[in-house]
Amino acid sequence: MQGQSQQQAYDRGITIFSPDGRLYQVEYAREAVKRGTASVGIRAEDGVVLAADKRARSPLMEPESIEKLHKADDHVGVASAGHVADARQLIDLARRQSQGNRLRYGEP
């Protein structure tokens, strides 16, 4: 029990090393990358192509519910990978910034 509470003291920050020299947040991020599926964006001469692997990684997941391509604005698309909650936060930020630019400059 003592070991677990001691580990929790070191797994909160990304710059805090545990006594054995581990960065738990970095290890958690690596594990999330291993479990996720890929997304890619390719810049072409006339535009951009976004593609995402939407395979269900678990039999409990409904494949139709997986959303990895999102519209942030009329001219901004987002391909996400990793934790869904993290992706939603970043997509919401992109949408707010696009709205701010539209209001401030009168263009997307």
C-alpha atoms as a PDB file:
ATOM      1  CA  MET A   1       0.000   0.000   0.000  1.00  0.00           C
ATOM      2  CA  GLN A   2       2.857   2.366   0.829  1.00  0.00           C
ATOM      3  CA  GLY A   3       4.431   1.850  -2.625  1.00  0.00           C
ATOM      4  CA  GLN A   4       1.257   2.827  -4.449  1.00  0.00           C
ATOM      5  CA  SER A   5       0.801   6.087  -2.518  1.00  0.00           C
ATOM      6  CA  GLN A   6       4.474   6.880  -3.051  1.00  0.00           C
ATOM      7  CA  GLN A   7       4.053   6.336  -6.803  1.00  0.00           C
ATOM      8  CA  GLN A   8       1.047   8.667  -6.840  1.00  0.00           C
ATOM      9  CA  ALA A   9       3.241  11.415  -5.424  1.00  0.00           C
ATOM     10  CA  TYR A  10       5.399  11.236  -8.556  1.00  0.00           C
ATOM     11  CA  ASP A  11       2.852  10.638 -11.310  1.00  0.00           C
ATOM     12  CA  ARG A  12       1.188  14.054 -11.280  1.00  0.00           C
ATOM     13  CA  GLY A  13       3.808  16.212 -13.000  1.00  0.00           C
ATOM     14  CA  ILE A  14       5.669  15.716 -16.255  1.00  0.00           C
ATOM     15  CA  THR A  15       8.936  17.014 -14.786  1.00  0.00           C
ATOM     16  CA  ILE A  16       8.947  15.129 -11.483  1.00  0.00           C
ATOM     17  CA  PHE A  17      11.168  12.059 -11.389  1.00  0.00           C
ATOM     18  CA  SER A  18      10.339   9.141  -9.121  1.00  0.00           C
ATOM     19  CA  PRO A  19      13.080   7.886  -6.782  1.00  0.00           C
ATOM     20  CA  ASP A  20      13.994   5.217  -9.347  1.00  0.00           C
ATOM     21  CA  GLY A  21      14.357   7.837 -12.116  1.00  0.00           C
ATOM     22  CA  ARG A  22      11.058   7.312 -13.943  1.00  0.00           C
ATOM     23  CA  LEU A  23       8.770   9.955 -15.416  1.00  0.00           C
ATOM     24  CA  TYR A  24       5.343   8.385 -15.003  1.00  0.00           C
ATOM     25  CA  GLN A  25       3.521  10.930 -17.171  1.00  0.00           C
ATOM     26  CA  VAL A  26       5.864  10.149 -20.074  1.00  0.00           C
ATOM     27  CA  GLU A  27       5.254   6.432 -19.572  1.00  0.00           C
ATOM     28  CA  TYR A  28       1.485   7.012 -19.552  1.00  0.00           C
ATOM     29  CA  ALA A  29       1.768   8.991 -22.804  1.00  0.00           C
ATOM     30  CA  ARG A  30       3.782   6.207 -24.446  1.00  0.00           C
ATOM     31  CA  GLU A  31       1.184   3.656 -23.411  1.00  0.00           C
ATOM     32  CA  ALA A  32      -1.609   5.808 -24.872  1.00  0.00           C
ATOM     33  CA  VAL A  33       0.285   6.023 -28.164  1.00  0.00           C
ATOM     34  CA  LYS A  34       0.662   2.233 -28.260  1.00  0.00           C
ATOM     35  CA  ARG A  35      -3.060   1.740 -27.764  1.00  0.00           C
ATOM     36  CA  GLY A  36      -4.233   4.394 -30.229  1.00  0.00           C
ATOM     37  CA  THR A  37      -4.769   4.272 -33.970  1.00  0.00           C
ATOM     38  CA  ALA A  38      -3.123   6.510 -36.521  1.00  0.00           C
ATOM     39  CA  SER A  39      -4.260   9.744 -38.152  1.00  0.00           C
ATOM     40  CA  VAL A  40      -2.357  11.565 -40.854  1.00  0.00           C
ATOM     41  CA  GLY A  41      -2.507  14.823 -42.776  1.00  0.00           C
ATOM     42  CA  ILE A  42      -0.872  15.253 -46.171  1.00  0.00           C
ATOM     43  CA  ARG A  43      -0.310  18.611 -47.815  1.00  0.00           C
ATOM     44  CA  ALA A  44      -0.893  18.441 -51.558  1.00  0.00           C
ATOM     45  CA  GLU A  45      -0.440  21.060 -54.265  1.00  0.00           C
ATOM     46  CA  ASP A  46      -4.134  21.994 -54.308  1.00  0.00           C
ATOM     47  CA  GLY A  47      -5.116  21.277 -50.718  1.00  0.00           C
ATOM     48  CA  VAL A  48      -4.812  18.893 -47.810  1.00  0.00           C
ATOM     49  CA  VAL A  49      -5.828  15.271 -47.354  1.00  0.00           C
ATOM     50  CA  LEU A  50      -6.757  14.008 -43.878  1.00  0.00           C
ATOM     51  CA  ALA A  51      -7.041  10.284 -43.183  1.00  0.00           C
ATOM     52  CA  ALA A  52      -7.687   8.303 -40.013  1.00  0.00           C
ATOM     53  CA  ASP A  53      -7.724   4.665 -38.989  1.00  0.00           C
ATOM     54  CA  LYS A  54     -11.133   4.069 -37.414  1.00  0.00           C
ATOM     55  CA  ARG A  55     -10.722   0.425 -36.431  1.00  0.00           C
ATOM     56  CA  ALA A  56     -12.309  -0.477 -33.122  1.00  0.00           C
ATOM     57  CA  ARG A  57      -9.542  -1.467 -30.703  1.00  0.00           C
ATOM     58  CA  SER A  58     -11.976  -3.283 -28.432  1.00  0.00           C
ATOM     59  CA  PRO A  59     -15.000  -5.522 -29.049  1.00  0.00           C
ATOM     60  CA  LEU A  60     -16.943  -3.209 -26.732  1.00  0.00           C
ATOM     61  CA  MET A  61     -16.510  -0.245 -29.091  1.00  0.00           C
ATOM     62  CA  GLU A  62     -19.092   0.494 -31.759  1.00  0.00           C
ATOM     63  CA  PRO A  63     -17.114   1.226 -34.972  1.00  0.00           C
ATOM     64  CA  GLU A  64     -19.694   3.757 -36.187  1.00  0.00           C
ATOM     65  CA  SER A  65     -19.170   5.829 -33.031  1.00  0.00           C
ATOM     66  CA  ILE A  66     -15.475   6.467 -33.702  1.00  0.00           C
ATOM     67  CA  GLU A  67     -14.950  10.033 -34.902  1.00  0.00           C
ATOM     68  CA  LYS A  68     -11.417  11.037 -35.790  1.00  0.00           C
ATOM     69  CA  LEU A  69     -11.994  13.682 -38.490  1.00  0.00           C
ATOM     70  CA  HIS A  70     -13.535  16.952 -37.338  1.00  0.00           C
ATOM     71  CA  LYS A  71     -14.444  20.328 -38.787  1.00  0.00           C
ATOM     72  CA  ALA A  72     -13.082  23.237 -36.774  1.00  0.00           C
ATOM     73  CA  ASP A  73     -14.238  25.894 -39.283  1.00  0.00           C
ATOM     74  CA  ASP A  74     -15.145  26.208 -42.955  1.00  0.00           C
ATOM     75  CA  HIS A  75     -11.465  26.069 -43.891  1.00  0.00           C
ATOM     76  CA  VAL A  76      -9.978  24.086 -40.977  1.00  0.00           C
ATOM     77  CA  GLY A  77     -10.130  20.317 -40.573  1.00  0.00           C
ATOM     78  CA  VAL A  78      -8.672  18.272 -37.735  1.00  0.00           C
ATOM     79  CA  ALA A  79      -7.545  14.643 -37.664  1.00  0.00           C
ATOM     80  CA  SER A  80      -7.265  13.336 -34.111  1.00  0.00           C
ATOM     81  CA  ALA A  81      -5.396  10.469 -32.497  1.00  0.00           C
ATOM     82  CA  GLY A  82      -4.919   9.488 -28.874  1.00  0.00           C
ATOM     83  CA  HIS A  83      -7.340   9.946 -26.019  1.00  0.00           C
ATOM     84  CA  VAL A  84     -10.756  11.172 -27.132  1.00  0.00           C
ATOM     85  CA  ALA A  85     -11.081  13.602 -24.213  1.00  0.00           C
ATOM     86  CA  ASP A  86      -7.737  15.223 -25.054  1.00  0.00           C
ATOM     87  CA  ALA A  87      -8.671  15.456 -28.732  1.00  0.00           C
ATOM     88  CA  ARG A  88     -12.007  17.095 -27.907  1.00  0.00           C
ATOM     89  CA  GLN A  89     -10.263  19.727 -25.802  1.00  0.00           C
ATOM     90  CA  LEU A  90      -7.875  20.579 -28.643  1.00  0.00           C
ATOM     91  CA  ILE A  91     -10.676  20.613 -31.231  1.00  0.00           C
ATOM     92  CA  ASP A  92     -12.733  22.957 -29.043  1.00  0.00           C
ATOM     93  CA  LEU A  93      -9.685  25.224 -28.729  1.00  0.00           C
ATOM     94  CA  ALA A  94      -9.234  25.253 -32.525  1.00  0.00           C
ATOM     95  CA  ARG A  95     -12.919  26.120 -32.974  1.00  0.00           C
ATOM     96  CA  ARG A  96     -12.727  28.982 -30.466  1.00  0.00           C
ATOM     97  CA  GLN A  97      -9.607  30.380 -32.099  1.00  0.00           C
ATOM     98  CA  SER A  98     -11.233  30.158 -35.536  1.00  0.00           C
ATOM     99  CA  GLN A  99     -14.306  31.989 -34.228  1.00  0.00           C
ATOM    100  CA  GLY A 100     -12.097  34.655 -32.666  1.00  0.00           C
ATOM    101  CA  ASN A 101     -10.258  35.190 -35.942  1.00  0.00           C
ATOM    102  CA  ARG A 102     -13.551  35.402 -37.827  1.00  0.00           C
ATOM    103  CA  LEU A 103     -14.884  38.049 -35.413  1.00  0.00           C
ATOM    104  CA  ARG A 104     -11.621  39.990 -35.159  1.00  0.00           C
ATOM    105  CA  TYR A 105     -10.585  40.029 -38.812  1.00  0.00           C
ATOM    106  CA  GLY A 106     -13.867  39.381 -40.607  1.00  0.00           C
ATOM    107  CA  GLU A 107     -12.480  36.279 -42.288  1.00  0.00           C
ATOM    108  CA  PRO A 108     -11.838  32.657 -41.349  1.00  0.00           C
END
